[in-house]
Structure formats: structure tokens, C-alpha cells
């Protein structure tokens, strides 16, 4: 159940653990896919910065906090997790904040629906139109940027030629963008700017327009294996077996290119639940922070989560390139691990802060570990980590005499320090980096 909540969402809260652990995997997956009855919604504070509501349009980095809040408090974790997937898949750079927020809402709306509709909406999205120079690409001067990324990154990966890109670029001409007085952008299609002559794409010769280009990419034999492999990697993390790829591609085609049936098939697959006692899929910075906030029962009440995510290497709405972010071990370096540890310091403020004198001094080492685990959402830890946490608590709570001339820490101070150390390690130690 915990594995499912991390892979299909952003980790479980303690009430969710208790509720779903008593129910079947099928019931839990049904809830992820469709929503509906479940445990009482966790009570997180509404997002604020310095006591004021977020202003994602006008305040720097509030767009990041706005989305992070949806990951922490939202009722549909799988929809939010898929929005994050598409945000990386259709990475868009250097566009105005209102356009990127509008794109984010569109990705959320289409997250588990028809890929054909999603691809059409992305193609006509003002932020994407401007980023990949599809706007103002005319029959006299067709721009190849979008056609190239459409095939290489969005739909195929391989199986196309430079001629296919050039011909598709001609078919994609005609889009215009008009900025309204309120700062939003309207997308227009100018048939006079569209190249209405014959083109040949993937061997198909006709007077193709942008809709034909999208249809041809989706119908290409390389598309289904390409997309289901990316979805598999996102949820499972290990390379997909040829038999699984063939099956998922068949499910995808039979579902008329809808995403939900493929995702459900992946969430039900035994490969997702392998090695529960030794997870090896590294949490992205966004998943790490959102999951830790959920586990600690904390919402967005400060601005510094944006620079923390930036320091970890993944700031939403600011991908490094059109290819999105690297993943896996690329998330972990000396610098980024230092920032992840700093994130734990912030998580242990406010509601989870260990105040001086607040820790019972009669706790045994085992009780101290249990107390710390409960305070941060009862995260999974390996048996090796359990042994080290118990060893640390035993040492910190021991009543050994102070060394000659040294300072002997009072029992209360030792108990408080022990809680701080245990909670920090549970939030930021090696096991906290994987799921």
C-alpha cells in the first residue's frame, strides 16, 4: 500500500495508511483511478506566505507553491502525479507565468484522458506555441522546432527522417498568437499562412494540416511502444520487458489511445511491487518534499520551499531544457543531498518542532524511535536502518558518566536531542530518498 501511494501519488498520510491497509489492492487502485469514498481528507492548513494567501500570478515562485499545495492537499494524487509527468514530458521554458499556469491546468484536465486530445491541446497551447516557435510559422518561413520535438520527444523517439520533420513543419504552419489586454494569449489559426500544398509524411502523401500530423504520429508503429515505455519507467523505474511493452501497447491501442487503462495496468503489475524491503527508485525533489510535507501533516506556510526545490535540482515551471529533467541517480549529488538535509530542518519546525523540555525523559530507546517515527508519518525504513536508529537512541539516552572535565548532558536535554536526531534521520536518511 505504501509503495502504491508513493508511486501513484506523493506518499500516504497516517490516516490513509490505516484506512487503505485494511482494504484490497484493487479497491485502492480504484480510488486512485476514479476517486470516490475514502478516508476523511487530511487537514492541512491553507497555503500562505507570511500569513497572506498565495498570488501565483504576481509573486515570484508562488506558482511553485501553488502547485506544491495541490500535491500535498489535493484529493486526486494520481491526477497530480500524472500532471507532473506531462509537465516533464512537454517541458516548456521561459514563458509568462499566466501562460504556464494555464498550461498546467490543461495538463491536469487531460492527465488520464485521450492522448490525442492532450496532444492537440498541447499543440495549440499558447506557452508551447511560443516556446517552440510554432506561432508565426508560415508557409513562406516554416519553423521546424515543434515538428522535431513532436517526433523526438513527444510521440516517437525514433522512426522518422529529416524529411518527415521538414514536411511536418510545413503542415504545422498557420498558428498565430494574439495577446489580450488582460495579459492572456488567444490562439488563432490563419489559413492564409498555412501551407496548403501536398506533403509526404511517413510515406503518406496528401494536403496535410496540423491535425493530420498529430494523427500520423499517433498512428505510427513506434508511438505506442515509446509512450507506454515512458509511463512504465515513471511508475516502475526498472527497464520494461519486451512482453510487458507489447501488452501495454496493445492495451493503449485498444483503448483508443486513452492513458487511464495503461496506467491502471501498470499499477496492477507485479513489477511495481517487487523488492518492497529494498526500494531503489529515487524520489525526485518534488516527490521528496511533497511526500515529507504530507507525512508530517504540514502544508505550505513559507516561501522557502521554492528555493529548496531549486537547490535540489527540480523547480517546477523552470525545466532545464525541452527534454525536461534527468532522473534517477542524477537527483543525488553532494550539493543536492545537502539541500535535502536542510529540507528536513525546515520540516521539523512549526508543528513537528521538538521544543525544549517537551520530550518524556522516561522513554526507552525503542519508545523514542517509535515516538519519532509517529511524528513524521511512520515512514518505511529497512531493518538495517531500524537497528542503527535504535543504536543511536540507546547511545543518546544512555546515562554514561561524562568524560573527565567534560559536560554531562541532563536527561531532559538528551531526550530532546535524541528526538531531533531521530526525526531528522527518518526524514532525510538514505531510506527516505527512495520509494
Protein backbone atom coordinates (compact mmCIF):
# COMPACT_ATOMS: atom_id res chain seq x y z
CA UNK A 1 0.00 0.00 0.00
CA UNK A 2 2.82 2.41 0.82
CA UNK A 3 4.56 1.57 -2.45
CA UNK A 4 1.37 2.31 -4.37
CA UNK A 5 0.86 5.64 -2.60
CA UNK A 6 4.42 6.76 -3.36
CA UNK A 7 4.46 5.63 -6.99
CA UNK A 8 0.93 6.78 -7.85
CA UNK A 9 0.98 9.84 -5.61
CA UNK A 10 3.13 11.61 -3.06
CA UNK A 11 3.17 9.16 -0.18
CA UNK A 12 0.43 8.35 2.35
CA UNK A 13 -0.62 10.20 5.47
CA UNK A 14 -1.03 8.19 8.67
CA UNK A 15 -4.87 8.08 8.38
CA UNK A 16 -4.54 6.87 4.80
CA UNK A 17 -2.16 4.13 5.92
CA UNK A 18 -4.67 2.90 8.49
CA UNK A 19 -7.62 3.08 6.11
CA UNK A 20 -6.20 1.51 2.96
CA UNK A 21 -4.10 -1.17 4.69
CA UNK A 22 -7.43 -2.81 5.62
CA UNK A 23 -8.61 -2.89 2.00
CA UNK A 24 -7.55 -4.71 -1.12
CA UNK A 25 -5.11 -3.53 -3.74
CA UNK A 26 -7.94 -3.45 -6.28
CA UNK A 27 -10.09 -1.17 -4.11
CA UNK A 28 -7.14 1.15 -3.54
CA UNK A 29 -6.29 1.34 -7.24
CA UNK A 30 -9.97 2.03 -8.00
CA UNK A 31 -9.78 5.02 -5.66
CA UNK A 32 -6.61 6.28 -7.32
CA UNK A 33 -8.16 5.98 -10.77
CA UNK A 34 -11.64 7.34 -10.08
CA UNK A 35 -11.68 8.97 -6.68
CA UNK A 36 -14.82 8.50 -4.59
CA UNK A 37 -15.26 7.36 -0.97
CA UNK A 38 -12.14 7.06 1.11
CA UNK A 39 -10.75 8.10 4.47
CA UNK A 40 -11.51 11.58 5.83
CA UNK A 41 -9.42 14.16 4.00
CA UNK A 42 -6.27 15.12 5.92
CA UNK A 43 -6.49 18.55 7.48
CA UNK A 44 -3.68 20.68 6.13
CA UNK A 45 -3.51 24.44 6.59
CA UNK A 46 -4.42 26.52 3.56
CA UNK A 47 -1.35 27.79 1.68
CA UNK A 48 0.05 31.10 2.85
CA UNK A 49 3.29 33.07 2.83
CA UNK A 50 3.83 35.47 5.74
CA UNK A 51 0.21 34.89 6.67
CA UNK A 52 -1.11 36.02 3.26
CA UNK A 53 -2.75 33.88 0.54
CA UNK A 54 -0.65 32.83 -2.42
CA UNK A 55 -0.55 35.03 -5.50
CA UNK A 56 0.82 32.68 -8.20
CA UNK A 57 0.49 35.23 -11.00
CA UNK A 58 2.18 38.23 -9.43
CA UNK A 59 4.54 36.95 -6.71
CA UNK A 60 7.82 35.25 -7.60
CA UNK A 61 7.81 31.46 -7.02
CA UNK A 62 4.22 31.46 -5.75
CA UNK A 63 3.36 29.41 -8.85
CA UNK A 64 5.63 26.69 -7.48
CA UNK A 65 3.99 26.87 -4.05
CA UNK A 66 0.53 26.87 -5.68
CA UNK A 67 1.26 23.57 -7.40
CA UNK A 68 3.10 22.05 -4.44
CA UNK A 69 0.00 22.74 -2.35
CA UNK A 70 -2.10 20.73 -4.82
CA UNK A 71 0.28 17.79 -4.43
CA UNK A 72 0.06 17.98 -0.63
CA UNK A 73 -3.65 18.68 -0.18
CA UNK A 74 -5.28 17.60 -3.46
CA UNK A 75 -7.99 14.90 -3.45
CA UNK A 76 -6.67 13.09 -6.58
CA UNK A 77 -2.99 12.18 -6.08
CA UNK A 78 -2.72 10.15 -9.29
CA UNK A 79 -4.04 13.04 -11.38
CA UNK A 80 -1.45 15.32 -9.79
CA UNK A 81 1.32 12.75 -10.31
CA UNK A 82 0.35 12.46 -13.99
CA UNK A 83 0.29 16.24 -14.31
CA UNK A 84 3.90 16.17 -13.10
CA UNK A 85 4.69 13.51 -15.70
CA UNK A 86 3.23 15.57 -18.57
CA UNK A 87 4.89 18.73 -17.24
CA UNK A 88 8.23 16.97 -17.75
CA UNK A 89 7.20 15.24 -20.99
CA UNK A 90 6.05 18.51 -22.60
CA UNK A 91 8.68 20.68 -20.91
CA UNK A 92 8.11 24.36 -21.69
CA UNK A 93 10.64 27.11 -20.90
CA UNK A 94 10.84 30.86 -20.49
CA UNK A 95 7.16 31.74 -20.82
CA UNK A 96 4.99 34.15 -18.87
CA UNK A 97 3.61 32.86 -15.59
CA UNK A 98 -0.09 33.12 -16.58
CA UNK A 99 0.60 31.03 -19.68
CA UNK A 100 2.43 28.33 -17.74
CA UNK A 101 -0.28 28.14 -15.09
CA UNK A 102 -2.91 27.85 -17.82
CA UNK A 103 -0.86 25.07 -19.41
CA UNK A 104 -0.60 23.32 -16.05
CA UNK A 105 -4.39 23.37 -15.66
CA UNK A 106 -4.76 21.95 -19.16
CA UNK A 107 -2.32 19.11 -18.42
CA UNK A 108 -4.27 18.31 -15.23
CA UNK A 109 -7.57 18.26 -17.13
CA UNK A 110 -6.22 15.85 -19.77
CA UNK A 111 -3.88 13.90 -17.49
CA UNK A 112 -5.58 10.49 -17.72
CA UNK A 113 -7.75 11.01 -20.78
CA UNK A 114 -7.18 10.75 -24.52
CA UNK A 115 -3.60 11.28 -25.62
CA UNK A 116 -4.95 12.55 -28.94
CA UNK A 117 -6.84 15.30 -27.14
CA UNK A 118 -3.89 16.06 -24.89
CA UNK A 119 -1.50 16.34 -27.83
CA UNK A 120 -3.93 18.62 -29.67
CA UNK A 121 -4.30 20.84 -26.62
CA UNK A 122 -0.51 20.98 -26.16
CA UNK A 123 -0.02 21.83 -29.84
CA UNK A 124 -2.47 24.73 -29.54
CA UNK A 125 -1.26 25.82 -26.10
CA UNK A 126 -0.02 29.45 -26.15
CA UNK A 127 3.02 28.73 -23.97
CA UNK A 128 4.10 25.81 -26.18
CA UNK A 129 3.30 27.70 -29.39
CA UNK A 130 5.64 30.48 -28.39
CA UNK A 131 8.36 28.31 -26.83
CA UNK A 132 8.88 26.06 -29.85
CA UNK A 133 8.21 28.78 -32.41
CA UNK A 134 5.05 27.25 -33.82
CA UNK A 135 3.33 30.61 -33.59
CA UNK A 136 4.00 32.69 -36.69
CA UNK A 137 5.42 29.70 -38.57
CA UNK A 138 4.16 30.40 -42.08
CA UNK A 139 4.18 28.77 -45.49
CA UNK A 140 6.89 31.21 -46.54
CA UNK A 141 9.06 30.51 -43.48
CA UNK A 142 8.09 27.22 -41.79
CA UNK A 143 9.83 26.64 -38.47
CA UNK A 144 10.94 23.07 -37.70
CA UNK A 145 11.30 23.33 -33.90
CA UNK A 146 7.92 21.94 -32.90
CA UNK A 147 7.86 19.27 -35.61
CA UNK A 148 11.23 17.97 -34.42
CA UNK A 149 10.33 17.81 -30.72
CA UNK A 150 6.90 16.41 -31.54
CA UNK A 151 8.55 13.36 -33.08
CA UNK A 152 11.71 13.06 -31.00
CA UNK A 153 10.37 13.81 -27.50
CA UNK A 154 6.60 13.79 -27.52
CA UNK A 155 5.44 10.84 -29.64
CA UNK A 156 8.05 8.62 -31.32
CA UNK A 157 11.64 8.78 -30.10
CA UNK A 158 12.78 7.25 -33.39
CA UNK A 159 11.39 6.07 -36.71
CA UNK A 160 11.32 9.40 -38.54
CA UNK A 161 13.58 11.19 -41.00
CA UNK A 162 14.71 14.76 -41.51
CA UNK A 163 12.37 14.92 -44.50
CA UNK A 164 9.46 13.92 -42.26
CA UNK A 165 10.34 16.84 -39.96
CA UNK A 166 10.54 19.33 -42.82
CA UNK A 167 7.25 18.17 -44.31
CA UNK A 168 5.53 18.17 -40.90
CA UNK A 169 6.79 21.70 -40.26
CA UNK A 170 5.04 22.80 -43.45
CA UNK A 171 1.84 21.08 -42.35
CA UNK A 172 2.00 22.76 -38.94
CA UNK A 173 2.05 26.30 -40.34
CA UNK A 174 -0.76 28.78 -39.74
CA UNK A 175 -0.87 29.34 -35.98
CA UNK A 176 -0.97 32.88 -34.66
CA UNK A 177 -0.98 34.23 -31.12
CA UNK A 178 -2.74 37.41 -30.10
CA UNK A 179 -2.16 38.91 -26.67
CA UNK A 180 -5.26 40.20 -24.95
CA UNK A 181 -5.42 43.28 -22.74
CA UNK A 182 -5.54 41.15 -19.58
CA UNK A 183 -2.18 39.53 -20.41
CA UNK A 184 -3.60 36.22 -21.66
CA UNK A 185 -2.94 34.96 -25.17
CA UNK A 186 -5.51 33.85 -27.74
CA UNK A 187 -4.52 31.22 -30.31
CA UNK A 188 -5.71 31.82 -33.85
CA UNK A 189 -5.40 29.66 -36.94
CA UNK A 190 -4.77 31.66 -40.09
CA UNK A 191 -5.42 29.52 -43.16
CA UNK A 192 -3.75 32.13 -45.36
CA UNK A 193 -0.48 31.47 -43.51
CA UNK A 194 -0.88 27.70 -43.77
CA UNK A 195 0.95 25.75 -46.45
CA UNK A 196 -1.94 24.09 -48.30
CA UNK A 197 0.22 22.20 -50.80
CA UNK A 198 0.92 18.47 -50.83
CA UNK A 199 3.35 16.97 -48.27
CA UNK A 200 4.67 13.46 -47.68
CA UNK A 201 5.00 12.40 -44.02
CA UNK A 202 5.97 8.83 -43.06
CA UNK A 203 5.22 7.87 -46.67
CA UNK A 204 1.69 9.31 -46.59
CA UNK A 205 1.18 11.89 -49.35
CA UNK A 206 -1.66 14.40 -49.01
CA UNK A 207 -2.51 18.03 -48.27
CA UNK A 208 -1.75 17.54 -44.56
CA UNK A 209 -2.54 20.10 -41.85
CA UNK A 210 -1.64 20.09 -38.15
CA UNK A 211 -4.40 17.60 -37.28
CA UNK A 212 -3.07 15.15 -39.84
CA UNK A 213 0.45 15.47 -38.43
CA UNK A 214 -0.79 14.55 -34.94
CA UNK A 215 -2.85 11.65 -36.29
CA UNK A 216 0.11 10.34 -38.28
CA UNK A 217 2.41 10.50 -35.24
CA UNK A 218 -0.10 8.68 -33.03
CA UNK A 219 -0.76 6.04 -35.71
CA UNK A 220 2.97 5.47 -36.27
CA UNK A 221 4.01 1.94 -35.15
CA UNK A 222 6.72 3.44 -32.92
CA UNK A 223 4.35 5.66 -30.92
CA UNK A 224 2.60 3.18 -28.63
CA UNK A 225 5.78 1.35 -27.52
CA UNK A 226 7.50 4.71 -26.98
CA UNK A 227 4.80 6.21 -24.77
CA UNK A 228 4.00 3.11 -22.69
CA UNK A 229 7.73 2.63 -22.03
CA UNK A 230 7.97 6.18 -20.65
CA UNK A 231 4.94 5.60 -18.43
CA UNK A 232 6.40 2.31 -17.20
CA UNK A 233 9.70 3.95 -16.35
CA UNK A 234 7.89 6.74 -14.49
CA UNK A 235 5.94 4.36 -12.23
CA UNK A 236 8.12 1.24 -12.04
CA UNK A 237 11.61 2.61 -12.56
CA UNK A 238 13.17 -0.55 -13.99
CA UNK A 239 13.58 -1.22 -17.75
CA UNK A 240 10.42 -2.61 -19.29
CA UNK A 241 10.43 -6.19 -20.51
CA UNK A 242 9.51 -6.68 -24.20
CA UNK A 243 6.44 -8.75 -23.24
CA UNK A 244 5.17 -6.01 -20.91
CA UNK A 245 5.78 -3.35 -23.56
CA UNK A 246 3.85 -5.36 -26.16
CA UNK A 247 0.94 -5.91 -23.77
CA UNK A 248 0.76 -2.26 -22.69
CA UNK A 249 0.96 -1.04 -26.29
CA UNK A 250 -1.95 -3.34 -27.15
CA UNK A 251 -3.97 -2.03 -24.18
CA UNK A 252 -3.23 1.54 -25.28
CA UNK A 253 -4.30 1.00 -28.89
CA UNK A 254 -7.46 -0.91 -27.96
CA UNK A 255 -8.40 1.90 -25.56
CA UNK A 256 -8.29 4.35 -28.49
CA UNK A 257 -5.10 5.91 -27.08
CA UNK A 258 -6.51 6.71 -23.65
CA UNK A 259 -3.99 6.95 -20.83
CA UNK A 260 -6.01 5.65 -17.87
CA UNK A 261 -6.17 1.97 -18.96
CA UNK A 262 -2.39 1.88 -19.44
CA UNK A 263 -1.72 3.46 -16.05
CA UNK A 264 -4.11 1.05 -14.34
CA UNK A 265 -2.37 -1.89 -15.99
CA UNK A 266 0.98 -0.62 -14.67
CA UNK A 267 -0.34 -0.04 -11.14
CA UNK A 268 -1.66 -3.61 -11.08
CA UNK A 269 1.55 -5.15 -12.45
CA UNK A 270 3.62 -7.29 -10.02
CA UNK A 271 6.80 -5.49 -11.13
CA UNK A 272 5.65 -2.35 -9.33
CA UNK A 273 5.62 -4.28 -6.02
CA UNK A 274 8.97 -6.03 -6.33
CA UNK A 275 11.60 -5.63 -3.60
CA UNK A 276 9.33 -3.95 -1.07
CA UNK A 277 12.08 -4.47 1.51
CA UNK A 278 14.70 -2.79 -0.71
CA UNK A 279 13.19 0.04 -2.80
CA UNK A 280 15.59 1.54 -5.31
CA UNK A 281 13.57 4.20 -7.15
CA UNK A 282 14.99 7.60 -6.16
CA UNK A 283 12.43 10.25 -5.23
CA UNK A 284 12.54 13.34 -7.38
CA UNK A 285 12.89 16.57 -5.37
CA UNK A 286 9.21 17.42 -5.86
CA UNK A 287 8.08 13.98 -4.69
CA UNK A 288 10.54 14.10 -1.77
CA UNK A 289 9.27 17.48 -0.50
CA UNK A 290 5.56 16.90 -1.15
CA UNK A 291 5.71 13.47 0.47
CA UNK A 292 7.58 14.73 3.52
CA UNK A 293 5.08 17.57 3.98
CA UNK A 294 2.22 15.10 3.77
CA UNK A 295 3.86 12.71 6.21
CA UNK A 296 4.47 15.49 8.70
CA UNK A 297 0.97 16.87 8.30
CA UNK A 298 2.31 20.24 7.16
CA UNK A 299 1.04 22.50 4.43
CA UNK A 300 2.57 25.41 2.53
CA UNK A 301 3.16 28.16 5.09
CA UNK A 302 6.50 29.56 3.94
CA UNK A 303 8.13 30.68 0.69
CA UNK A 304 11.40 28.80 1.02
CA UNK A 305 10.14 25.51 -0.49
CA UNK A 306 10.76 27.03 -3.93
CA UNK A 307 14.49 27.75 -3.40
CA UNK A 308 14.82 24.39 -1.65
CA UNK A 309 13.42 22.60 -4.71
CA UNK A 310 15.67 24.69 -6.92
CA UNK A 311 18.68 23.67 -4.83
CA UNK A 312 17.68 20.03 -5.18
CA UNK A 313 17.58 20.42 -8.96
CA UNK A 314 13.86 20.43 -9.79
CA UNK A 315 11.99 23.72 -9.76
CA UNK A 316 8.54 23.30 -11.33
CA UNK A 317 7.74 25.62 -14.24
CA UNK A 318 11.51 26.02 -14.85
CA UNK A 319 12.70 22.80 -16.55
CA UNK A 320 16.34 22.84 -17.67
CA UNK A 321 15.59 22.10 -21.34
CA UNK A 322 12.92 20.92 -23.75
CA UNK A 323 13.95 17.37 -22.76
CA UNK A 324 12.86 18.00 -19.16
CA UNK A 325 14.76 16.81 -16.11
CA UNK A 326 17.11 13.88 -15.80
CA UNK A 327 16.03 11.35 -13.21
CA UNK A 328 17.34 8.52 -11.05
CA UNK A 329 20.81 8.94 -9.62
CA UNK A 330 21.07 12.33 -11.37
CA UNK A 331 18.99 13.69 -8.48
CA UNK A 332 21.67 12.84 -5.92
CA UNK A 333 24.92 14.74 -5.56
CA UNK A 334 26.91 16.23 -2.71
CA UNK A 335 25.18 19.58 -3.16
CA UNK A 336 21.63 18.30 -3.65
CA UNK A 337 21.88 15.91 -0.70
CA UNK A 338 22.97 18.83 1.48
CA UNK A 339 19.81 20.69 0.44
CA UNK A 340 17.66 17.61 1.10
CA UNK A 341 19.08 17.52 4.62
CA UNK A 342 18.30 21.23 5.01
CA UNK A 343 14.73 20.49 3.95
CA UNK A 344 14.47 18.23 6.97
CA UNK A 345 15.42 21.13 9.21
CA UNK A 346 12.52 23.16 7.85
CA UNK A 347 10.13 20.23 8.12
CA UNK A 348 10.96 19.92 11.80
CA UNK A 349 9.89 23.47 12.54
CA UNK A 350 6.34 24.53 13.31
CA UNK A 351 4.07 21.57 14.11
CA UNK A 352 6.86 18.95 14.29
CA UNK A 353 9.27 21.04 16.28
CA UNK A 354 10.79 19.40 19.36
CA UNK A 355 10.50 22.07 21.99
CA UNK A 356 12.92 22.11 24.89
CA UNK A 357 11.51 20.11 27.75
CA UNK A 358 8.69 18.55 25.73
CA UNK A 359 10.09 15.00 25.39
CA UNK A 360 9.31 12.41 28.10
CA UNK A 361 12.58 11.54 29.81
CA UNK A 362 11.47 8.01 30.72
CA UNK A 363 11.22 6.82 27.11
CA UNK A 364 13.22 3.69 26.39
CA UNK A 365 15.35 3.80 23.23
CA UNK A 366 12.72 1.72 21.43
CA UNK A 367 9.94 4.03 22.59
CA UNK A 368 11.97 7.05 21.48
CA UNK A 369 12.30 5.63 17.97
CA UNK A 370 8.56 4.87 17.88
CA UNK A 371 7.77 8.42 19.04
CA UNK A 372 9.96 9.95 16.34
CA UNK A 373 8.52 7.67 13.64
CA UNK A 374 4.96 8.61 14.60
CA UNK A 375 5.78 12.32 14.48
CA UNK A 376 6.91 12.20 10.83
CA UNK A 377 4.24 9.95 9.35
CA UNK A 378 5.62 6.48 10.17
CA UNK A 379 7.86 6.21 7.09
CA UNK A 380 9.22 2.88 5.92
CA UNK A 381 12.76 2.03 6.97
CA UNK A 382 14.86 -1.05 6.34
CA UNK A 383 15.83 -3.49 9.08
CA UNK A 384 19.41 -2.20 8.87
CA UNK A 385 18.23 1.37 9.42
CA UNK A 386 15.97 0.26 12.27
CA UNK A 387 18.97 -1.25 14.00
CA UNK A 388 21.02 1.92 13.53
CA UNK A 389 18.22 4.17 14.81
CA UNK A 390 17.86 2.01 17.91
CA UNK A 391 21.61 2.03 18.41
CA UNK A 392 21.69 5.83 18.13
CA UNK A 393 18.79 6.26 20.58
CA UNK A 394 20.47 3.91 23.04
CA UNK A 395 23.69 5.90 22.91
CA UNK A 396 21.99 9.32 23.16
CA UNK A 397 19.77 8.28 26.07
CA UNK A 398 22.43 6.41 27.98
CA UNK A 399 23.35 7.60 31.45
CA UNK A 400 27.09 7.16 30.96
CA UNK A 401 29.24 9.43 33.11
CA UNK A 402 30.76 12.42 31.38
CA UNK A 403 34.43 12.22 30.40
CA UNK A 404 36.96 13.81 32.73
CA UNK A 405 36.45 17.55 32.67
CA UNK A 406 33.57 17.15 30.21
CA UNK A 407 29.95 18.26 30.27
CA UNK A 408 27.32 15.76 31.33
CA UNK A 409 24.09 16.48 29.48
CA UNK A 410 20.96 16.50 31.67
CA UNK A 411 18.37 13.76 30.92
CA UNK A 412 15.82 16.22 29.51
CA UNK A 413 18.33 17.73 27.11
CA UNK A 414 19.39 14.26 26.00
CA UNK A 415 15.79 13.23 25.38
CA UNK A 416 15.06 16.34 23.29
CA UNK A 417 18.26 15.96 21.29
CA UNK A 418 17.51 12.30 20.67
CA UNK A 419 14.09 13.15 19.22
CA UNK A 420 15.54 15.82 16.93
CA UNK A 421 18.22 13.48 15.63
CA UNK A 422 15.85 10.55 15.06
CA UNK A 423 13.26 12.66 13.23
CA UNK A 424 15.90 14.24 11.03
CA UNK A 425 17.28 10.84 10.03
CA UNK A 426 13.83 9.41 9.37
CA UNK A 427 13.06 12.34 7.07
CA UNK A 428 16.42 12.66 5.33
CA UNK A 429 18.38 9.44 5.82
CA UNK A 430 19.14 7.01 2.99
CA UNK A 431 15.78 5.19 3.16
CA UNK A 432 13.91 8.49 2.82
CA UNK A 433 15.46 9.06 -0.63
CA UNK A 434 13.85 6.02 -2.25
CA UNK A 435 10.39 4.58 -2.68
